[in-house]
C-alpha atoms as a PDB file:
ATOM      1  CA  MET A   1       0.000   0.000   0.000  1.00  0.00           C
ATOM      2  CA  GLY A   2       2.103   2.851  -1.266  1.00  0.00           C
ATOM      3  CA  ALA A   3       1.661   6.553  -0.770  1.00  0.00           C
ATOM      4  CA  ASN A   4       3.325   9.684  -1.974  1.00  0.00           C
ATOM      5  CA  ASP A   5       4.075  13.340  -1.337  1.00  0.00           C
ATOM      6  CA  VAL A   6       1.446  15.979  -2.100  1.00  0.00           C
ATOM      7  CA  GLU A   7       1.544  16.697  -5.822  1.00  0.00           C
ATOM      8  CA  PRO A   8       0.533  20.185  -7.073  1.00  0.00           C
ATOM      9  CA  THR A   9      -2.079  18.938  -9.543  1.00  0.00           C
ATOM     10  CA  GLU A  10      -5.630  20.005 -10.299  1.00  0.00           C
ATOM     11  CA  VAL A  11      -7.229  16.613  -9.781  1.00  0.00           C
ATOM     12  CA  THR A  12     -10.818  16.873  -8.566  1.00  0.00           C
ATOM     13  CA  SER A  13     -11.233  15.559  -5.035  1.00  0.00           C
ATOM     14  CA  THR A  14     -13.231  12.380  -5.377  1.00  0.00           C
ATOM     15  CA  GLY A  15     -12.167  10.243  -2.462  1.00  0.00           C
ATOM     16  CA  ILE A  16     -12.928  12.351   0.620  1.00  0.00           C
ATOM     17  CA  THR A  17     -16.661  11.677   0.805  1.00  0.00           C
ATOM     18  CA  LYS A  18     -16.303   7.980   0.005  1.00  0.00           C
ATOM     19  CA  TRP A  19     -14.817   6.993   3.373  1.00  0.00           C
ATOM     20  CA  ASP A  20     -16.984   4.243   4.888  1.00  0.00           C
ATOM     21  CA  PRO A  21     -16.418   3.783   8.643  1.00  0.00           C
ATOM     22  CA  GLY A  22     -18.354   0.511   8.732  1.00  0.00           C
ATOM     23  CA  LEU A  23     -16.317  -1.065   5.950  1.00  0.00           C
ATOM     24  CA  THR A  24     -13.111   0.349   7.416  1.00  0.00           C
ATOM     25  CA  GLU A  25     -13.886  -1.327  10.746  1.00  0.00           C
ATOM     26  CA  LYS A  26     -14.419  -4.655   8.976  1.00  0.00           C
ATOM     27  CA  VAL A  27     -11.150  -4.314   7.062  1.00  0.00           C
ATOM     28  CA  MET A  28      -9.266  -3.491  10.262  1.00  0.00           C
ATOM     29  CA  GLY A  29     -10.679  -6.680  11.746  1.00  0.00           C
ATOM     30  CA  TRP A  30      -9.535  -8.691   8.742  1.00  0.00           C
ATOM     31  CA  ILE A  31      -5.970  -7.363   8.688  1.00  0.00           C
ATOM     32  CA  ARG A  32      -5.368  -7.205  12.439  1.00  0.00           C
ATOM     33  CA  PRO A  33      -4.159 -10.859  12.666  1.00  0.00           C
ATOM     34  CA  LEU A  34      -1.595 -10.109   9.934  1.00  0.00           C
ATOM     35  CA  ILE A  35      -0.451  -6.878  11.565  1.00  0.00           C
ATOM     36  CA  LYS A  36      -0.309  -8.159  15.138  1.00  0.00           C
ATOM     37  CA  GLY A  37       0.530 -11.784  14.384  1.00  0.00           C
ATOM     38  CA  TYR A  38       2.767 -11.939  11.338  1.00  0.00           C
ATOM     39  CA  HIS A  39       4.478  -8.574  11.897  1.00  0.00           C
ATOM     40  CA  ARG A  40       4.037  -8.348  15.705  1.00  0.00           C
ATOM     41  CA  ALA A  41       3.522  -4.633  15.126  1.00  0.00           C
ATOM     42  CA  GLU A  42       3.256  -1.981  17.811  1.00  0.00           C
ATOM     43  CA  VAL A  43       2.510   1.734  17.627  1.00  0.00           C
ATOM     44  CA  ARG A  44       3.793   4.045  20.350  1.00  0.00           C
ATOM     45  CA  GLY A  45       2.877   7.637  21.093  1.00  0.00           C
ATOM     46  CA  LEU A  46      -0.653   7.846  19.690  1.00  0.00           C
ATOM     47  CA  ASP A  47      -1.439  10.330  22.466  1.00  0.00           C
ATOM     48  CA  ASN A  48       0.691  12.781  20.443  1.00  0.00           C
ATOM     49  CA  VAL A  49      -2.044  13.023  17.793  1.00  0.00           C
ATOM     50  CA  PRO A  50      -4.018  16.178  18.710  1.00  0.00           C
ATOM     51  CA  PRO A  51      -7.725  16.716  17.963  1.00  0.00           C
ATOM     52  CA  GLY A  52      -8.732  18.152  14.602  1.00  0.00           C
ATOM     53  CA  GLY A  53      -6.956  17.929  11.297  1.00  0.00           C
ATOM     54  CA  VAL A  54      -3.334  16.798  11.450  1.00  0.00           C
ATOM     55  CA  LEU A  55      -0.776  15.829   8.823  1.00  0.00           C
ATOM     56  CA  VAL A  56       1.124  12.706   9.836  1.00  0.00           C
ATOM     57  CA  VAL A  57       4.478  12.713   8.018  1.00  0.00           C
ATOM     58  CA  SER A  58       6.212   9.346   7.921  1.00  0.00           C
ATOM     59  CA  ASN A  59       9.038   7.396   6.383  1.00  0.00           C
ATOM     60  CA  HIS A  60       7.917   4.608   4.027  1.00  0.00           C
ATOM     61  CA  SER A  61       9.139   1.008   4.114  1.00  0.00           C
ATOM     62  CA  GLY A  62       8.486  -2.428   2.705  1.00  0.00           C
ATOM     63  CA  GLY A  63       8.567  -2.109  -1.068  1.00  0.00           C
ATOM     64  CA  LEU A  64       5.525  -3.486  -2.852  1.00  0.00           C
ATOM     65  CA  PHE A  65       4.006  -4.629   0.465  1.00  0.00           C
ATOM     66  CA  ALA A  66       4.503  -1.532   2.612  1.00  0.00           C
ATOM     67  CA  MET A  67       2.668  -2.000   5.920  1.00  0.00           C
ATOM     68  CA  ASP A  68       3.048   1.525   7.337  1.00  0.00           C
ATOM     69  CA  VAL A  69      -0.591   2.529   6.847  1.00  0.00           C
ATOM     70  CA  PRO A  70      -2.200  -0.704   8.125  1.00  0.00           C
ATOM     71  CA  VAL A  71       0.102  -0.691  11.172  1.00  0.00           C
ATOM     72  CA  PHE A  72      -0.783   2.907  12.078  1.00  0.00           C
ATOM     73  CA  ALA A  73      -4.490   2.645  11.253  1.00  0.00           C
ATOM     74  CA  THR A  74      -5.034  -0.605  13.154  1.00  0.00           C
ATOM     75  CA  ASP A  75      -3.886   0.919  16.444  1.00  0.00           C
ATOM     76  CA  PHE A  76      -5.311   4.391  15.784  1.00  0.00           C
ATOM     77  CA  TYR A  77      -8.839   3.080  15.243  1.00  0.00           C
ATOM     78  CA  ALA A  78      -8.505   0.687  18.192  1.00  0.00           C
ATOM     79  CA  LYS A  79      -7.683   3.672  20.428  1.00  0.00           C
ATOM     80  CA  TYR A  80      -9.945   6.391  19.011  1.00  0.00           C
ATOM     81  CA  GLY A  81     -12.774   4.558  17.276  1.00  0.00           C
ATOM     82  CA  TYR A  82     -14.207   5.185  13.811  1.00  0.00           C
ATOM     83  CA  GLU A  83     -15.676   8.686  14.106  1.00  0.00           C
ATOM     84  CA  ARG A  84     -12.472  10.313  12.832  1.00  0.00           C
ATOM     85  CA  PRO A  85     -11.121   9.056   9.498  1.00  0.00           C
ATOM     86  CA  VAL A  86      -7.517   8.242   8.700  1.00  0.00           C
ATOM     87  CA  TYR A  87      -6.798   9.343   5.129  1.00  0.00           C
ATOM     88  CA  THR A  88      -3.727   8.331   3.148  1.00  0.00           C
ATOM     89  CA  LEU A  89      -2.403  10.291   0.194  1.00  0.00           C
ATOM     90  CA  GLY A  90      -1.789   7.547  -2.348  1.00  0.00           C
ATOM     91  CA  PHE A  91      -0.429   6.796  -5.808  1.00  0.00           C
ATOM     92  CA  ASP A  92      -2.821   7.209  -8.739  1.00  0.00           C
ATOM     93  CA  LEU A  93      -2.488   3.484  -9.539  1.00  0.00           C
ATOM     94  CA  LEU A  94      -4.404   2.670  -6.353  1.00  0.00           C
ATOM     95  CA  PHE A  95      -7.507   4.235  -7.859  1.00  0.00           C
ATOM     96  CA  VAL A  96      -7.828   2.140 -10.987  1.00  0.00           C
ATOM     97  CA  GLY A  97      -9.018  -1.424 -11.375  1.00  0.00           C
ATOM     98  CA  PRO A  98     -11.295  -3.613  -9.264  1.00  0.00           C
ATOM     99  CA  THR A  99      -9.834  -2.595  -5.877  1.00  0.00           C
ATOM    100  CA  ALA A 100     -10.190   1.168  -6.452  1.00  0.00           C
ATOM    101  CA  GLU A 101     -13.470   1.496  -4.538  1.00  0.00           C
ATOM    102  CA  LEU A 102     -12.107  -0.494  -1.599  1.00  0.00           C
ATOM    103  CA  PHE A 103      -9.155   1.852  -1.276  1.00  0.00           C
ATOM    104  CA  LYS A 104     -11.376   4.937  -1.527  1.00  0.00           C
ATOM    105  CA  LYS A 105     -13.856   3.659   1.059  1.00  0.00           C
ATOM    106  CA  THR A 106     -11.075   2.840   3.533  1.00  0.00           C
ATOM    107  CA  GLY A 107      -9.464   6.289   3.381  1.00  0.00           C
ATOM    108  CA  PHE A 108      -7.034   6.357   0.465  1.00  0.00           C
ATOM    109  CA  ILE A 109      -7.210   9.539  -1.621  1.00  0.00           C
ATOM    110  CA  PRO A 110      -5.199  10.740  -4.651  1.00  0.00           C
ATOM    111  CA  ALA A 111      -2.129  12.693  -3.573  1.00  0.00           C
ATOM    112  CA  ASN A 112      -2.774  16.311  -4.538  1.00  0.00           C
ATOM    113  CA  HIS A 113      -3.108  19.572  -2.648  1.00  0.00           C
ATOM    114  CA  GLU A 114      -6.855  19.870  -3.157  1.00  0.00           C
ATOM    115  CA  ASN A 115      -7.588  16.490  -1.593  1.00  0.00           C
ATOM    116  CA  ALA A 116      -5.106  17.029   1.231  1.00  0.00           C
ATOM    117  CA  ASP A 117      -6.620  20.409   2.067  1.00  0.00           C
ATOM    118  CA  GLU A 118     -10.193  19.092   2.089  1.00  0.00           C
ATOM    119  CA  ALA A 119      -9.324  16.093   4.247  1.00  0.00           C
ATOM    120  CA  LEU A 120      -7.363  18.199   6.742  1.00  0.00           C
ATOM    121  CA  ARG A 121     -10.025  20.921   6.998  1.00  0.00           C
ATOM    122  CA  THR A 122     -12.705  18.323   7.748  1.00  0.00           C
ATOM    123  CA  GLY A 123     -10.711  17.176  10.788  1.00  0.00           C
ATOM    124  CA  GLY A 124      -9.167  14.062   9.278  1.00  0.00           C
ATOM    125  CA  VAL A 125      -5.854  12.488  10.153  1.00  0.00           C
ATOM    126  CA  VAL A 126      -3.951  12.569   6.862  1.00  0.00           C
ATOM    127  CA  ILE A 127      -0.890  10.381   6.340  1.00  0.00           C
ATOM    128  CA  VAL A 128       1.721  11.384   3.791  1.00  0.00           C
ATOM    129  CA  PHE A 129       4.961   9.675   2.796  1.00  0.00           C
ATOM    130  CA  PRO A 130       7.028  12.464   1.191  1.00  0.00           C
ATOM    131  CA  GLY A 131       9.679  10.012  -0.046  1.00  0.00           C
ATOM    132  CA  GLY A 132       7.109   7.885  -1.885  1.00  0.00           C
ATOM    133  CA  ASP A 133       8.541   5.115  -4.060  1.00  0.00           C
ATOM    134  CA  TYR A 134      12.030   6.608  -3.703  1.00  0.00           C
ATOM    135  CA  ASP A 135      11.850   5.975   0.044  1.00  0.00           C
ATOM    136  CA  VAL A 136       9.967   2.673   0.081  1.00  0.00           C
ATOM    137  CA  TYR A 137      12.640   1.024  -2.079  1.00  0.00           C
ATOM    138  CA  ARG A 138      15.702   2.502  -0.345  1.00  0.00           C
ATOM    139  CA  PRO A 139      18.608   0.030  -0.149  1.00  0.00           C
ATOM    140  CA  THR A 140      18.907  -2.175   2.924  1.00  0.00           C
ATOM    141  CA  LEU A 141      22.168  -0.467   3.875  1.00  0.00           C
ATOM    142  CA  SER A 142      20.141   2.762   4.230  1.00  0.00           C
ATOM    143  CA  ARG A 143      17.108   1.143   5.849  1.00  0.00           C
ATOM    144  CA  ASN A 144      17.255   3.402   8.921  1.00  0.00           C
ATOM    145  CA  LYS A 145      17.738   6.680   7.061  1.00  0.00           C
ATOM    146  CA  ILE A 146      15.098   9.382   6.648  1.00  0.00           C
ATOM    147  CA  ASP A 147      15.236  10.300   2.973  1.00  0.00           C
ATOM    148  CA  PHE A 148      12.425  12.201   1.233  1.00  0.00           C
ATOM    149  CA  GLY A 149      14.367  12.637  -1.994  1.00  0.00           C
ATOM    150  CA  GLY A 150      14.147  16.431  -1.678  1.00  0.00           C
ATOM    151  CA  ARG A 151      10.326  16.537  -1.655  1.00  0.00           C
ATOM    152  CA  THR A 152       8.823  19.272   0.518  1.00  0.00           C
ATOM    153  CA  GLY A 153       5.220  19.581  -0.721  1.00  0.00           C
ATOM    154  CA  TYR A 154       3.948  18.210   2.581  1.00  0.00           C
ATOM    155  CA  ILE A 155       4.954  21.414   4.370  1.00  0.00           C
ATOM    156  CA  ARG A 156       2.874  23.581   2.071  1.00  0.00           C
ATOM    157  CA  ALA A 157      -0.079  21.221   2.577  1.00  0.00           C
ATOM    158  CA  ALA A 158       0.079  21.700   6.361  1.00  0.00           C
ATOM    159  CA  LEU A 159       0.455  25.485   6.018  1.00  0.00           C
ATOM    160  CA  ASN A 160      -2.435  25.778   3.560  1.00  0.00           C
ATOM    161  CA  ALA A 161      -4.787  23.933   5.893  1.00  0.00           C
ATOM    162  CA  GLY A 162      -3.445  25.546   9.082  1.00  0.00           C
ATOM    163  CA  VAL A 163      -2.764  22.219  10.791  1.00  0.00           C
ATOM    164  CA  PRO A 164       0.199  20.821  12.732  1.00  0.00           C
ATOM    165  CA  ILE A 165       2.573  18.206  11.396  1.00  0.00           C
ATOM    166  CA  VAL A 166       2.865  15.034  13.454  1.00  0.00           C
ATOM    167  CA  PRO A 167       6.106  13.218  12.546  1.00  0.00           C
ATOM    168  CA  SER A 168       6.007   9.433  12.694  1.00  0.00           C
ATOM    169  CA  VAL A 169       8.852   6.960  12.196  1.00  0.00           C
ATOM    170  CA  SER A 170       8.745   3.238  11.618  1.00  0.00           C
ATOM    171  CA  ILE A 171      11.395   0.533  11.766  1.00  0.00           C
ATOM    172  CA  GLY A 172      11.391  -3.059  10.534  1.00  0.00           C
ATOM    173  CA  GLY A 173       9.487  -2.757   7.293  1.00  0.00           C
ATOM    174  CA  GLN A 174      12.638  -2.428   5.213  1.00  0.00           C
ATOM    175  CA  GLU A 175      13.809  -5.791   6.544  1.00  0.00           C
ATOM    176  CA  SER A 176      11.066  -7.655   4.670  1.00  0.00           C
ATOM    177  CA  GLN A 177      13.581  -8.299   1.865  1.00  0.00           C
ATOM    178  CA  ILE A 178      17.169  -7.401   1.050  1.00  0.00           C
ATOM    179  CA  TYR A 179      16.869  -4.268  -1.091  1.00  0.00           C
ATOM    180  CA  LEU A 180      19.932  -3.929  -3.314  1.00  0.00           C
ATOM    181  CA  THR A 181      19.206  -0.794  -5.339  1.00  0.00           C
ATOM    182  CA  ARG A 182      16.409   1.530  -6.388  1.00  0.00           C
ATOM    183  CA  GLY A 183      17.470   0.814  -9.965  1.00  0.00           C
ATOM    184  CA  THR A 184      17.397   4.459 -11.087  1.00  0.00           C
ATOM    185  CA  ALA A 185      20.061   3.929 -13.755  1.00  0.00           C
ATOM    186  CA  LEU A 186      18.461   0.664 -14.866  1.00  0.00           C
ATOM    187  CA  ALA A 187      15.070   2.324 -15.319  1.00  0.00           C
ATOM    188  CA  LYS A 188      16.657   5.092 -17.369  1.00  0.00           C
ATOM    189  CA  THR A 189      18.578   2.608 -19.521  1.00  0.00           C
ATOM    190  CA  LEU A 190      15.368   0.705 -20.270  1.00  0.00           C
ATOM    191  CA  ARG A 191      13.604   4.043 -20.933  1.00  0.00           C
ATOM    192  CA  LEU A 192      10.934   3.233 -18.359  1.00  0.00           C
ATOM    193  CA  ASP A 193      10.739   6.925 -17.533  1.00  0.00           C
ATOM    194  CA  LYS A 194       9.513   7.518 -21.095  1.00  0.00           C
ATOM    195  CA  LEU A 195       7.403   4.379 -21.477  1.00  0.00           C
ATOM    196  CA  VAL A 196       5.562   4.155 -18.139  1.00  0.00           C
ATOM    197  CA  ARG A 197       6.821   7.256 -16.243  1.00  0.00           C
ATOM    198  CA  ALA A 198       8.780   5.005 -13.851  1.00  0.00           C
ATOM    199  CA  LYS A 199      12.010   6.497 -12.554  1.00  0.00           C
ATOM    200  CA  ILE A 200      13.096   3.398 -10.624  1.00  0.00           C
ATOM    201  CA  LEU A 201      13.314  -0.360 -11.197  1.00  0.00           C
ATOM    202  CA  PRO A 202      14.151  -1.728  -7.740  1.00  0.00           C
ATOM    203  CA  VAL A 203      16.184  -4.899  -7.386  1.00  0.00           C
ATOM    204  CA  SER A 204      15.915  -7.031  -4.254  1.00  0.00           C
ATOM    205  CA  ILE A 205      16.528 -10.516  -2.886  1.00  0.00           C
ATOM    206  CA  GLY A 206      13.691 -12.305  -1.093  1.00  0.00           C
ATOM    207  CA  PHE A 207      11.749 -15.490  -0.491  1.00  0.00           C
ATOM    208  CA  PRO A 208      10.980 -17.739  -2.339  1.00  0.00           C
ATOM    209  CA  PHE A 209      12.289 -16.573  -5.736  1.00  0.00           C
ATOM    210  CA  GLY A 210      15.546 -14.905  -4.750  1.00  0.00           C
ATOM    211  CA  LEU A 211      16.614 -12.091  -7.082  1.00  0.00           C
ATOM    212  CA  SER A 212      13.727  -9.879  -8.171  1.00  0.00           C
ATOM    213  CA  ALA A 213      13.317  -6.671 -10.180  1.00  0.00           C
ATOM    214  CA  VAL A 214       9.773  -6.177  -8.867  1.00  0.00           C
ATOM    215  CA  LEU A 215       8.960  -9.460 -10.640  1.00  0.00           C
ATOM    216  CA  PRO A 216       8.852 -12.223  -9.591  1.00  0.00           C
ATOM    217  CA  VAL A 217       7.026 -11.068  -6.469  1.00  0.00           C
ATOM    218  CA  ASN A 218       8.619 -12.338  -3.267  1.00  0.00           C
ATOM    219  CA  VAL A 219       6.780 -12.865   0.021  1.00  0.00           C
ATOM    220  CA  PRO A 220       7.656 -10.324   2.759  1.00  0.00           C
ATOM    221  CA  LEU A 221       9.482 -11.806   5.720  1.00  0.00           C
ATOM    222  CA  PRO A 222       7.646 -11.697   9.087  1.00  0.00           C
ATOM    223  CA  THR A 223       9.661  -8.727  10.283  1.00  0.00           C
ATOM    224  CA  LYS A 224       8.643  -6.985  13.502  1.00  0.00           C
ATOM    225  CA  ILE A 225       7.461  -3.428  12.804  1.00  0.00           C
ATOM    226  CA  VAL A 226       7.555  -0.677  15.434  1.00  0.00           C
ATOM    227  CA  THR A 227       6.083   2.790  14.804  1.00  0.00           C
ATOM    228  CA  GLN A 228       6.792   5.804  17.001  1.00  0.00           C
ATOM    229  CA  VAL A 229       4.461   8.821  16.755  1.00  0.00           C
ATOM    230  CA  LEU A 230       6.198  12.052  17.802  1.00  0.00           C
ATOM    231  CA  PRO A 231       4.880  15.314  19.298  1.00  0.00           C
ATOM    232  CA  PRO A 232       3.149  17.703  16.883  1.00  0.00           C
ATOM    233  CA  ILE A 233       5.024  20.563  15.235  1.00  0.00           C
ATOM    234  CA  ASP A 234       3.216  23.895  14.767  1.00  0.00           C
ATOM    235  CA  ILE A 235       5.094  25.336  11.798  1.00  0.00           C
ATOM    236  CA  VAL A 236       3.902  28.944  12.208  1.00  0.00           C
ATOM    237  CA  ALA A 237       4.525  28.966  15.959  1.00  0.00           C
ATOM    238  CA  GLU A 238       8.086  27.660  15.526  1.00  0.00           C
ATOM    239  CA  PHE A 239       9.123  29.232  12.205  1.00  0.00           C
ATOM    240  CA  GLY A 240       6.836  32.246  11.694  1.00  0.00           C
ATOM    241  CA  GLU A 241       4.100  33.210   9.239  1.00  0.00           C
ATOM    242  CA  ASP A 242       6.395  32.994   6.210  1.00  0.00           C
ATOM    243  CA  PRO A 243       8.754  30.129   7.039  1.00  0.00           C
ATOM    244  CA  ASP A 244      11.738  28.975   5.038  1.00  0.00           C
ATOM    245  CA  ILE A 245      10.432  25.689   3.595  1.00  0.00           C
ATOM    246  CA  ASP A 246      13.887  24.119   3.401  1.00  0.00           C
ATOM    247  CA  GLU A 247      14.563  25.027   7.038  1.00  0.00           C
ATOM    248  CA  VAL A 248      11.283  23.465   8.162  1.00  0.00           C
ATOM    249  CA  ASP A 249      11.973  20.338   6.116  1.00  0.00           C
ATOM    250  CA  ALA A 250      15.476  19.993   7.569  1.00  0.00           C
ATOM    251  CA  HIS A 251      14.101  20.349  11.099  1.00  0.00           C
ATOM    252  CA  ILE A 252      11.376  17.749  10.592  1.00  0.00           C
ATOM    253  CA  ARG A 253      13.780  15.272   9.037  1.00  0.00           C
ATOM    254  CA  HIS A 254      16.225  15.839  11.906  1.00  0.00           C
ATOM    255  CA  VAL A 255      13.514  15.166  14.498  1.00  0.00           C
ATOM    256  CA  MET A 256      12.503  12.019  12.649  1.00  0.00           C
ATOM    257  CA  GLN A 257      16.074  10.803  12.171  1.00  0.00           C
ATOM    258  CA  THR A 258      16.796  11.213  15.883  1.00  0.00           C
ATOM    259  CA  ALA A 259      13.734   9.128  16.748  1.00  0.00           C
ATOM    260  CA  LEU A 260      14.538   6.481  14.131  1.00  0.00           C
ATOM    261  CA  ASP A 261      18.103   6.210  15.428  1.00  0.00           C
ATOM    262  CA  GLU A 262      16.672   5.542  18.898  1.00  0.00           C
ATOM    263  CA  LEU A 263      14.443   2.767  17.547  1.00  0.00           C
ATOM    264  CA  ALA A 264      17.459   1.303  15.726  1.00  0.00           C
ATOM    265  CA  ARG A 265      19.461   1.218  18.957  1.00  0.00           C
ATOM    266  CA  GLU A 266      16.651  -0.745  20.620  1.00  0.00           C
ATOM    267  CA  ARG A 267      16.506  -3.310  17.833  1.00  0.00           C
ATOM    268  CA  ARG A 268      18.535  -6.429  18.606  1.00  0.00           C
ATOM    269  CA  LEU A 269      18.266  -8.453  15.398  1.00  0.00           C
ATOM    270  CA  PRO A 270      16.946  -7.845  11.874  1.00  0.00           C
ATOM    271  CA  VAL A 271      13.452  -9.316  11.224  1.00  0.00           C
ATOM    272  CA  LEU A 272      13.147 -10.649  14.792  1.00  0.00           C
ATOM    273  CA  GLY A 273      13.266  -7.161  16.288  1.00  0.00           C
END
């Protein structure tokens, strides 16, 4: 379940009103055994999520089977109930095909400023992964590095809606396979950027097929995932009415990196946690 930074497009907001709390509750019940059993996931610091609209900014892990959203949502809804939706800014590909309606009804919305603004102003908890596919396929050697690939659109989204940013960091998801490379050069050589607008062709090693360049699809290892939600950041209060976007971005990434480093120090063994 991938997600992306806020893109400055003019896409009409179509997913906000489709959220179905009843269906979302059923889906949370279906996936909870996977999240709590297979991945032994835990979410810390949910008390840091204030009332009203908030933008949760997170690192992204796990390649094709990123579990960041299900891990967060499972515990958030268990704690706060289903009156307040969790929205996720997602890739356009999530909204085509037979599963499109399911994603829309469980809180996934196309990643653009219009949708983000509407969701935040209606009091939703909106999750964004600024690094997107660049982050979710980062090499294993950089698995505990906060890297948004220079994307800062999330800051403007929070400012436009007048909401705080709640940083969130997760560890373990990038241990589901051995990620060798994002394959940026490979994608360019194969002209995938021209053919399908793909800038990466990630290469990994996993179970049961071994070496994979997206295909064949390997099964994620049962890695333990821990998510830490951090205190909210009021951009205007800390940086003024007209903040330097790069300065804000650097600060948020620093806060997140410090927290991720702490989680890494706690972790004893890859996969096992």
